[in-house]
């Protein structure tokens, strides 16, 4: 359990530092350290990351580092997309979801390793494009249990022209909205598999993860973002390969 709590701290730290990566860490921690079933872990991941992201976003909001326009145009359609993704997950096994999850991790590594432009274009992305982005990332969130911050942050910085710290704060609010929507759907799906949410584990992870998020938020303004992103990308590659290897080894 101590390793799992360390994982919870790292989950919050990742969210606070980069506005992403929380769910990508949460599912492997719940599956491989606590031995939970994949579908249960994905459901709990949504609630854990949603809670940490919402609480972690508050300091950013108090500093004016949240863009309300993107929260509404990206977050609300993203909630609908997340519900759809969670509904689609009923047609595949938990093992298939984990394989998709590993693929998403490798994709995340690519996005995190990409160098950000020194001066993003200062323009507002068209509303309908933000809505479509939200629906797509939301569907991915619900299907594999990821918050989608690894896609949200690059979209806000590279396409929306937001500064990195503003993108992180905005991403946290969007992650919270989408994660709660996905969890609501999973709450109705789990009984069909004889599974239920372990709220004691969820509460402990949210508590420890929020502490990590506050720490990450403080460090974010002091540490070079590019170095952090590349280091995290390397970690994602290692975790993604590990999950793929575990699933391939378990097949007959």
C-alpha atoms as a PDB file:
ATOM      1  CA  UNK A   1       0.000   0.000   0.000  1.00  0.00           C
ATOM      2  CA  UNK A   2       2.925   2.325   0.668  1.00  0.00           C
ATOM      3  CA  UNK A   3       3.995   2.052  -2.980  1.00  0.00           C
ATOM      4  CA  UNK A   4       0.431   2.808  -4.043  1.00  0.00           C
ATOM      5  CA  UNK A   5       0.382   5.957  -1.879  1.00  0.00           C
ATOM      6  CA  UNK A   6       3.681   7.024  -3.413  1.00  0.00           C
ATOM      7  CA  UNK A   7       1.982   6.530  -6.776  1.00  0.00           C
ATOM      8  CA  UNK A   8      -0.905   8.747  -5.610  1.00  0.00           C
ATOM      9  CA  UNK A   9       1.590  11.464  -4.675  1.00  0.00           C
ATOM     10  CA  UNK A  10       3.191  11.219  -8.108  1.00  0.00           C
ATOM     11  CA  UNK A  11      -0.245  11.398  -9.744  1.00  0.00           C
ATOM     12  CA  UNK A  12      -0.968  14.700  -8.018  1.00  0.00           C
ATOM     13  CA  UNK A  13       2.532  15.977  -8.666  1.00  0.00           C
ATOM     14  CA  UNK A  14       2.145  15.286 -12.381  1.00  0.00           C
ATOM     15  CA  UNK A  15      -1.191  17.084 -12.537  1.00  0.00           C
ATOM     16  CA  UNK A  16       0.137  20.082 -10.642  1.00  0.00           C
ATOM     17  CA  UNK A  17       3.307  20.351 -12.708  1.00  0.00           C
ATOM     18  CA  UNK A  18       1.964  19.679 -16.195  1.00  0.00           C
ATOM     19  CA  UNK A  19      -1.841  19.699 -16.025  1.00  0.00           C
ATOM     20  CA  UNK A  20      -1.771  16.142 -17.375  1.00  0.00           C
ATOM     21  CA  UNK A  21      -0.587  12.609 -16.759  1.00  0.00           C
ATOM     22  CA  UNK A  22      -2.723  11.837 -13.710  1.00  0.00           C
ATOM     23  CA  UNK A  23      -4.879   9.088 -15.176  1.00  0.00           C
ATOM     24  CA  UNK A  24      -1.994   7.602 -17.106  1.00  0.00           C
ATOM     25  CA  UNK A  25      -0.354   6.938 -13.748  1.00  0.00           C
ATOM     26  CA  UNK A  26      -3.510   6.066 -11.799  1.00  0.00           C
ATOM     27  CA  UNK A  27      -4.716   3.046 -13.775  1.00  0.00           C
ATOM     28  CA  UNK A  28      -1.381   1.149 -13.647  1.00  0.00           C
ATOM     29  CA  UNK A  29      -1.075   1.895  -9.902  1.00  0.00           C
ATOM     30  CA  UNK A  30      -4.554   0.515  -9.194  1.00  0.00           C
ATOM     31  CA  UNK A  31      -4.154  -2.531 -11.454  1.00  0.00           C
ATOM     32  CA  UNK A  32      -0.553  -3.567 -10.775  1.00  0.00           C
ATOM     33  CA  UNK A  33       0.006  -2.369  -7.202  1.00  0.00           C
ATOM     34  CA  UNK A  34      -3.460  -2.891  -5.689  1.00  0.00           C
ATOM     35  CA  UNK A  35      -4.538  -5.789  -7.928  1.00  0.00           C
ATOM     36  CA  UNK A  36      -7.834  -4.266  -9.035  1.00  0.00           C
ATOM     37  CA  UNK A  37      -9.748  -5.402 -12.116  1.00  0.00           C
ATOM     38  CA  UNK A  38      -9.085  -3.166 -15.148  1.00  0.00           C
ATOM     39  CA  UNK A  39     -12.661  -1.861 -15.419  1.00  0.00           C
ATOM     40  CA  UNK A  40     -12.817  -1.092 -11.698  1.00  0.00           C
ATOM     41  CA  UNK A  41      -9.440   0.660 -11.897  1.00  0.00           C
ATOM     42  CA  UNK A  42     -10.552   2.758 -14.875  1.00  0.00           C
ATOM     43  CA  UNK A  43     -13.744   3.836 -13.079  1.00  0.00           C
ATOM     44  CA  UNK A  44     -11.907   4.715  -9.864  1.00  0.00           C
ATOM     45  CA  UNK A  45      -9.209   6.485 -11.870  1.00  0.00           C
ATOM     46  CA  UNK A  46     -11.794   8.877 -13.279  1.00  0.00           C
ATOM     47  CA  UNK A  47     -13.079   9.800  -9.820  1.00  0.00           C
ATOM     48  CA  UNK A  48      -9.582  10.077  -8.308  1.00  0.00           C
ATOM     49  CA  UNK A  49      -8.174  12.245 -11.072  1.00  0.00           C
ATOM     50  CA  UNK A  50     -11.320  14.352 -11.250  1.00  0.00           C
ATOM     51  CA  UNK A  51     -11.099  15.103  -7.529  1.00  0.00           C
ATOM     52  CA  UNK A  52      -7.373  15.866  -7.575  1.00  0.00           C
ATOM     53  CA  UNK A  53      -7.696  18.017 -10.710  1.00  0.00           C
ATOM     54  CA  UNK A  54     -10.591  20.051  -9.307  1.00  0.00           C
ATOM     55  CA  UNK A  55      -8.843  20.756  -6.007  1.00  0.00           C
ATOM     56  CA  UNK A  56      -5.519  21.334  -7.739  1.00  0.00           C
ATOM     57  CA  UNK A  57      -7.108  23.857 -10.118  1.00  0.00           C
ATOM     58  CA  UNK A  58      -8.189  26.156  -7.284  1.00  0.00           C
ATOM     59  CA  UNK A  59      -4.753  27.774  -6.724  1.00  0.00           C
ATOM     60  CA  UNK A  60      -4.479  28.403 -10.467  1.00  0.00           C
ATOM     61  CA  UNK A  61      -7.943  29.977 -10.494  1.00  0.00           C
ATOM     62  CA  UNK A  62      -7.047  32.252  -7.575  1.00  0.00           C
ATOM     63  CA  UNK A  63      -4.018  33.448  -9.565  1.00  0.00           C
ATOM     64  CA  UNK A  64      -6.179  34.095 -12.665  1.00  0.00           C
ATOM     65  CA  UNK A  65      -4.596  31.204 -14.572  1.00  0.00           C
ATOM     66  CA  UNK A  66      -7.814  29.609 -15.883  1.00  0.00           C
ATOM     67  CA  UNK A  67      -9.370  30.485 -19.255  1.00  0.00           C
ATOM     68  CA  UNK A  68     -13.154  30.315 -18.809  1.00  0.00           C
ATOM     69  CA  UNK A  69     -13.890  30.276 -22.554  1.00  0.00           C
ATOM     70  CA  UNK A  70     -11.884  27.116 -23.104  1.00  0.00           C
ATOM     71  CA  UNK A  71     -13.281  25.482 -19.972  1.00  0.00           C
ATOM     72  CA  UNK A  72     -16.817  25.917 -21.340  1.00  0.00           C
ATOM     73  CA  UNK A  73     -16.193  25.166 -25.044  1.00  0.00           C
ATOM     74  CA  UNK A  74     -13.782  22.294 -24.401  1.00  0.00           C
ATOM     75  CA  UNK A  75     -14.998  20.965 -21.071  1.00  0.00           C
ATOM     76  CA  UNK A  76     -18.770  20.744 -21.531  1.00  0.00           C
ATOM     77  CA  UNK A  77     -18.676  18.967 -24.941  1.00  0.00           C
ATOM     78  CA  UNK A  78     -15.890  16.846 -23.447  1.00  0.00           C
ATOM     79  CA  UNK A  79     -18.302  15.660 -20.755  1.00  0.00           C
ATOM     80  CA  UNK A  80     -20.678  14.374 -23.454  1.00  0.00           C
ATOM     81  CA  UNK A  81     -17.777  12.701 -25.265  1.00  0.00           C
ATOM     82  CA  UNK A  82     -16.618  11.055 -22.041  1.00  0.00           C
ATOM     83  CA  UNK A  83     -20.070   9.632 -21.404  1.00  0.00           C
ATOM     84  CA  UNK A  84     -20.056   8.224 -24.950  1.00  0.00           C
ATOM     85  CA  UNK A  85     -16.591   6.700 -24.502  1.00  0.00           C
ATOM     86  CA  UNK A  86     -17.619   5.051 -21.237  1.00  0.00           C
ATOM     87  CA  UNK A  87     -20.714   3.620 -22.955  1.00  0.00           C
ATOM     88  CA  UNK A  88     -18.583   2.216 -25.794  1.00  0.00           C
ATOM     89  CA  UNK A  89     -16.294   0.500 -23.276  1.00  0.00           C
ATOM     90  CA  UNK A  90     -19.045  -2.008 -22.471  1.00  0.00           C
ATOM     91  CA  UNK A  91     -18.423  -3.708 -25.831  1.00  0.00           C
ATOM     92  CA  UNK A  92     -14.773  -4.595 -25.129  1.00  0.00           C
ATOM     93  CA  UNK A  93     -12.922  -6.480 -22.412  1.00  0.00           C
ATOM     94  CA  UNK A  94     -10.805  -4.867 -19.720  1.00  0.00           C
ATOM     95  CA  UNK A  95      -7.707  -6.342 -21.377  1.00  0.00           C
ATOM     96  CA  UNK A  96      -8.536  -4.579 -24.647  1.00  0.00           C
ATOM     97  CA  UNK A  97      -8.961  -1.337 -22.713  1.00  0.00           C
ATOM     98  CA  UNK A  98      -5.525  -1.789 -21.140  1.00  0.00           C
ATOM     99  CA  UNK A  99      -3.954  -2.372 -24.554  1.00  0.00           C
ATOM    100  CA  UNK A 100      -5.649   0.778 -25.831  1.00  0.00           C
ATOM    101  CA  UNK A 101      -4.475   2.506 -22.679  1.00  0.00           C
ATOM    102  CA  UNK A 102      -0.850   1.535 -23.341  1.00  0.00           C
ATOM    103  CA  UNK A 103      -1.158   2.859 -26.882  1.00  0.00           C
ATOM    104  CA  UNK A 104      -2.509   6.125 -25.503  1.00  0.00           C
ATOM    105  CA  UNK A 105       0.479   6.325 -23.148  1.00  0.00           C
ATOM    106  CA  UNK A 106       2.896   6.061 -26.066  1.00  0.00           C
ATOM    107  CA  UNK A 107       0.938   8.719 -27.917  1.00  0.00           C
ATOM    108  CA  UNK A 108       1.098  10.869 -24.786  1.00  0.00           C
ATOM    109  CA  UNK A 109       4.867  10.430 -24.689  1.00  0.00           C
ATOM    110  CA  UNK A 110       5.070  11.780 -28.220  1.00  0.00           C
ATOM    111  CA  UNK A 111       3.055  14.884 -27.327  1.00  0.00           C
ATOM    112  CA  UNK A 112       4.999  15.493 -24.123  1.00  0.00           C
ATOM    113  CA  UNK A 113       8.388  15.129 -25.837  1.00  0.00           C
ATOM    114  CA  UNK A 114       7.591  17.512 -28.650  1.00  0.00           C
ATOM    115  CA  UNK A 115       9.306  20.884 -28.137  1.00  0.00           C
ATOM    116  CA  UNK A 116       6.823  23.694 -27.651  1.00  0.00           C
ATOM    117  CA  UNK A 117       7.238  26.818 -29.779  1.00  0.00           C
ATOM    118  CA  UNK A 118       8.950  29.680 -28.023  1.00  0.00           C
ATOM    119  CA  UNK A 119       6.172  32.075 -28.964  1.00  0.00           C
ATOM    120  CA  UNK A 120       2.815  30.460 -29.588  1.00  0.00           C
ATOM    121  CA  UNK A 121       0.540  32.434 -31.893  1.00  0.00           C
ATOM    122  CA  UNK A 122      -1.696  34.798 -29.975  1.00  0.00           C
ATOM    123  CA  UNK A 123      -5.098  34.025 -31.438  1.00  0.00           C
ATOM    124  CA  UNK A 124      -8.411  32.559 -30.408  1.00  0.00           C
ATOM    125  CA  UNK A 125      -9.193  29.122 -31.795  1.00  0.00           C
ATOM    126  CA  UNK A 126     -12.583  28.949 -33.502  1.00  0.00           C
ATOM    127  CA  UNK A 127     -15.360  27.841 -31.159  1.00  0.00           C
ATOM    128  CA  UNK A 128     -16.529  24.896 -33.272  1.00  0.00           C
ATOM    129  CA  UNK A 129     -12.988  23.505 -33.439  1.00  0.00           C
ATOM    130  CA  UNK A 130     -12.644  23.702 -29.655  1.00  0.00           C
ATOM    131  CA  UNK A 131     -15.979  21.865 -29.318  1.00  0.00           C
ATOM    132  CA  UNK A 132     -14.850  19.062 -31.655  1.00  0.00           C
ATOM    133  CA  UNK A 133     -11.551  18.760 -29.809  1.00  0.00           C
ATOM    134  CA  UNK A 134     -13.463  18.454 -26.552  1.00  0.00           C
ATOM    135  CA  UNK A 135     -15.747  15.697 -27.831  1.00  0.00           C
ATOM    136  CA  UNK A 136     -12.846  13.666 -29.240  1.00  0.00           C
ATOM    137  CA  UNK A 137     -10.660  13.907 -26.131  1.00  0.00           C
ATOM    138  CA  UNK A 138     -13.727  13.267 -23.969  1.00  0.00           C
ATOM    139  CA  UNK A 139     -14.520  10.031 -25.800  1.00  0.00           C
ATOM    140  CA  UNK A 140     -10.930   8.902 -25.286  1.00  0.00           C
ATOM    141  CA  UNK A 141     -11.237   9.790 -21.598  1.00  0.00           C
ATOM    142  CA  UNK A 142     -14.293   7.616 -21.075  1.00  0.00           C
ATOM    143  CA  UNK A 143     -13.024   4.654 -23.067  1.00  0.00           C
ATOM    144  CA  UNK A 144      -9.599   4.162 -21.479  1.00  0.00           C
ATOM    145  CA  UNK A 145      -9.988   6.169 -18.272  1.00  0.00           C
ATOM    146  CA  UNK A 146      -7.566   9.009 -18.996  1.00  0.00           C
ATOM    147  CA  UNK A 147      -8.137  12.656 -18.170  1.00  0.00           C
ATOM    148  CA  UNK A 148      -6.820  13.724 -21.557  1.00  0.00           C
ATOM    149  CA  UNK A 149      -4.570  16.479 -20.227  1.00  0.00           C
ATOM    150  CA  UNK A 150      -1.706  15.258 -22.416  1.00  0.00           C
ATOM    151  CA  UNK A 151      -3.868  16.258 -25.405  1.00  0.00           C
ATOM    152  CA  UNK A 152      -5.587  19.272 -23.819  1.00  0.00           C
ATOM    153  CA  UNK A 153      -2.404  21.109 -22.836  1.00  0.00           C
ATOM    154  CA  UNK A 154      -0.715  20.884 -26.272  1.00  0.00           C
ATOM    155  CA  UNK A 155      -4.000  21.890 -27.934  1.00  0.00           C
ATOM    156  CA  UNK A 156      -4.382  24.944 -25.703  1.00  0.00           C
ATOM    157  CA  UNK A 157      -0.740  25.978 -26.145  1.00  0.00           C
ATOM    158  CA  UNK A 158      -0.109  25.132 -29.805  1.00  0.00           C
ATOM    159  CA  UNK A 159      -3.577  25.772 -31.244  1.00  0.00           C
ATOM    160  CA  UNK A 160      -5.215  28.099 -28.748  1.00  0.00           C
ATOM    161  CA  UNK A 161      -2.154  30.253 -28.153  1.00  0.00           C
ATOM    162  CA  UNK A 162      -2.380  30.091 -24.345  1.00  0.00           C
ATOM    163  CA  UNK A 163       0.750  30.466 -22.194  1.00  0.00           C
ATOM    164  CA  UNK A 164       1.862  27.210 -20.567  1.00  0.00           C
ATOM    165  CA  UNK A 165       0.747  28.050 -17.036  1.00  0.00           C
ATOM    166  CA  UNK A 166      -2.657  29.272 -18.228  1.00  0.00           C
ATOM    167  CA  UNK A 167      -3.045  26.056 -20.248  1.00  0.00           C
ATOM    168  CA  UNK A 168      -2.219  23.946 -17.174  1.00  0.00           C
ATOM    169  CA  UNK A 169      -4.808  25.662 -14.971  1.00  0.00           C
ATOM    170  CA  UNK A 170      -7.458  25.455 -17.683  1.00  0.00           C
ATOM    171  CA  UNK A 171      -6.631  21.812 -18.358  1.00  0.00           C
ATOM    172  CA  UNK A 172      -7.193  20.890 -14.710  1.00  0.00           C
ATOM    173  CA  UNK A 173     -10.759  22.215 -14.750  1.00  0.00           C
ATOM    174  CA  UNK A 174     -11.514  20.473 -18.064  1.00  0.00           C
ATOM    175  CA  UNK A 175     -10.063  17.198 -16.741  1.00  0.00           C
ATOM    176  CA  UNK A 176     -12.307  17.429 -13.667  1.00  0.00           C
ATOM    177  CA  UNK A 177     -15.459  17.974 -15.750  1.00  0.00           C
ATOM    178  CA  UNK A 178     -14.742  15.091 -18.129  1.00  0.00           C
ATOM    179  CA  UNK A 179     -13.577  12.703 -15.449  1.00  0.00           C
ATOM    180  CA  UNK A 180     -16.721  13.138 -13.346  1.00  0.00           C
ATOM    181  CA  UNK A 181     -18.910  12.612 -16.421  1.00  0.00           C
ATOM    182  CA  UNK A 182     -17.101   9.377 -17.284  1.00  0.00           C
ATOM    183  CA  UNK A 183     -17.259   8.132 -13.703  1.00  0.00           C
ATOM    184  CA  UNK A 184     -21.027   8.673 -13.602  1.00  0.00           C
ATOM    185  CA  UNK A 185     -21.445   6.330 -16.550  1.00  0.00           C
ATOM    186  CA  UNK A 186     -19.058   3.705 -15.136  1.00  0.00           C
ATOM    187  CA  UNK A 187     -20.965   3.789 -11.865  1.00  0.00           C
ATOM    188  CA  UNK A 188     -23.879   2.225 -13.747  1.00  0.00           C
ATOM    189  CA  UNK A 189     -21.709  -0.224 -15.721  1.00  0.00           C
ATOM    190  CA  UNK A 190     -19.684  -1.808 -12.908  1.00  0.00           C
ATOM    191  CA  UNK A 191     -22.516  -3.849 -11.305  1.00  0.00           C
ATOM    192  CA  UNK A 192     -22.916  -5.807 -14.555  1.00  0.00           C
ATOM    193  CA  UNK A 193     -19.357  -7.099 -14.032  1.00  0.00           C
ATOM    194  CA  UNK A 194     -19.841  -7.793 -10.325  1.00  0.00           C
ATOM    195  CA  UNK A 195     -17.590  -4.859  -9.449  1.00  0.00           C
ATOM    196  CA  UNK A 196     -17.970  -1.784  -7.263  1.00  0.00           C
ATOM    197  CA  UNK A 197     -16.021   1.342  -6.381  1.00  0.00           C
ATOM    198  CA  UNK A 198     -13.706   1.186  -3.368  1.00  0.00           C
ATOM    199  CA  UNK A 199     -14.405   4.652  -1.982  1.00  0.00           C
ATOM    200  CA  UNK A 200     -11.849   4.247   0.833  1.00  0.00           C
ATOM    201  CA  UNK A 201      -9.078   3.844  -1.743  1.00  0.00           C
ATOM    202  CA  UNK A 202     -10.482   6.697  -3.825  1.00  0.00           C
ATOM    203  CA  UNK A 203     -10.630   9.048  -0.837  1.00  0.00           C
ATOM    204  CA  UNK A 204      -7.083   8.226   0.246  1.00  0.00           C
ATOM    205  CA  UNK A 205      -5.746   8.710  -3.280  1.00  0.00           C
ATOM    206  CA  UNK A 206      -7.544  12.048  -3.655  1.00  0.00           C
ATOM    207  CA  UNK A 207      -6.144  13.275  -0.329  1.00  0.00           C
ATOM    208  CA  UNK A 208      -2.547  12.256  -1.013  1.00  0.00           C
ATOM    209  CA  UNK A 209      -2.783  13.235  -4.674  1.00  0.00           C
ATOM    210  CA  UNK A 210      -4.091  16.716  -3.830  1.00  0.00           C
ATOM    211  CA  UNK A 211      -1.070  17.315  -1.603  1.00  0.00           C
ATOM    212  CA  UNK A 212       1.117  16.284  -4.535  1.00  0.00           C
ATOM    213  CA  UNK A 213      -0.837  18.590  -6.829  1.00  0.00           C
ATOM    214  CA  UNK A 214      -0.290  21.613  -4.581  1.00  0.00           C
ATOM    215  CA  UNK A 215       3.420  20.799  -4.455  1.00  0.00           C
ATOM    216  CA  UNK A 216       3.522  20.388  -8.226  1.00  0.00           C
ATOM    217  CA  UNK A 217       1.792  23.717  -8.741  1.00  0.00           C
ATOM    218  CA  UNK A 218       4.440  25.461  -6.646  1.00  0.00           C
ATOM    219  CA  UNK A 219       7.287  23.723  -8.456  1.00  0.00           C
ATOM    220  CA  UNK A 220       5.792  24.427 -11.883  1.00  0.00           C
ATOM    221  CA  UNK A 221       6.671  28.121 -11.741  1.00  0.00           C
ATOM    222  CA  UNK A 222      10.279  27.363 -10.751  1.00  0.00           C
ATOM    223  CA  UNK A 223      11.325  24.403 -12.923  1.00  0.00           C
ATOM    224  CA  UNK A 224      11.976  24.364 -16.708  1.00  0.00           C
ATOM    225  CA  UNK A 225       8.859  22.976 -18.383  1.00  0.00           C
ATOM    226  CA  UNK A 226      10.625  21.419 -21.363  1.00  0.00           C
ATOM    227  CA  UNK A 227      12.920  19.301 -19.194  1.00  0.00           C
ATOM    228  CA  UNK A 228       9.968  18.110 -17.109  1.00  0.00           C
ATOM    229  CA  UNK A 229       7.931  17.216 -20.164  1.00  0.00           C
ATOM    230  CA  UNK A 230      10.722  15.189 -21.743  1.00  0.00           C
ATOM    231  CA  UNK A 231      11.458  13.324 -18.524  1.00  0.00           C
ATOM    232  CA  UNK A 232       7.787  12.504 -18.140  1.00  0.00           C
ATOM    233  CA  UNK A 233       7.628  11.360 -21.759  1.00  0.00           C
ATOM    234  CA  UNK A 234      10.397   8.850 -21.057  1.00  0.00           C
ATOM    235  CA  UNK A 235       8.466   7.545 -18.046  1.00  0.00           C
ATOM    236  CA  UNK A 236       5.348   7.154 -20.202  1.00  0.00           C
ATOM    237  CA  UNK A 237       7.270   5.091 -22.744  1.00  0.00           C
ATOM    238  CA  UNK A 238       8.546   2.768 -20.001  1.00  0.00           C
ATOM    239  CA  UNK A 239       5.044   2.349 -18.509  1.00  0.00           C
ATOM    240  CA  UNK A 240       3.405   1.861 -21.904  1.00  0.00           C
ATOM    241  CA  UNK A 241       5.884  -0.842 -22.913  1.00  0.00           C
ATOM    242  CA  UNK A 242       5.457  -2.516 -19.496  1.00  0.00           C
ATOM    243  CA  UNK A 243       1.653  -2.705 -19.867  1.00  0.00           C
ATOM    244  CA  UNK A 244       1.947  -4.035 -23.424  1.00  0.00           C
ATOM    245  CA  UNK A 245       4.441  -6.679 -22.294  1.00  0.00           C
ATOM    246  CA  UNK A 246       2.220  -7.723 -19.362  1.00  0.00           C
ATOM    247  CA  UNK A 247      -0.809  -8.162 -21.610  1.00  0.00           C
ATOM    248  CA  UNK A 248       1.075 -10.036 -24.316  1.00  0.00           C
ATOM    249  CA  UNK A 249       2.676 -12.342 -21.729  1.00  0.00           C
ATOM    250  CA  UNK A 250      -0.741 -13.202 -20.230  1.00  0.00           C
ATOM    251  CA  UNK A 251      -2.150 -14.313 -23.562  1.00  0.00           C
ATOM    252  CA  UNK A 252      -2.165 -18.057 -24.312  1.00  0.00           C
END
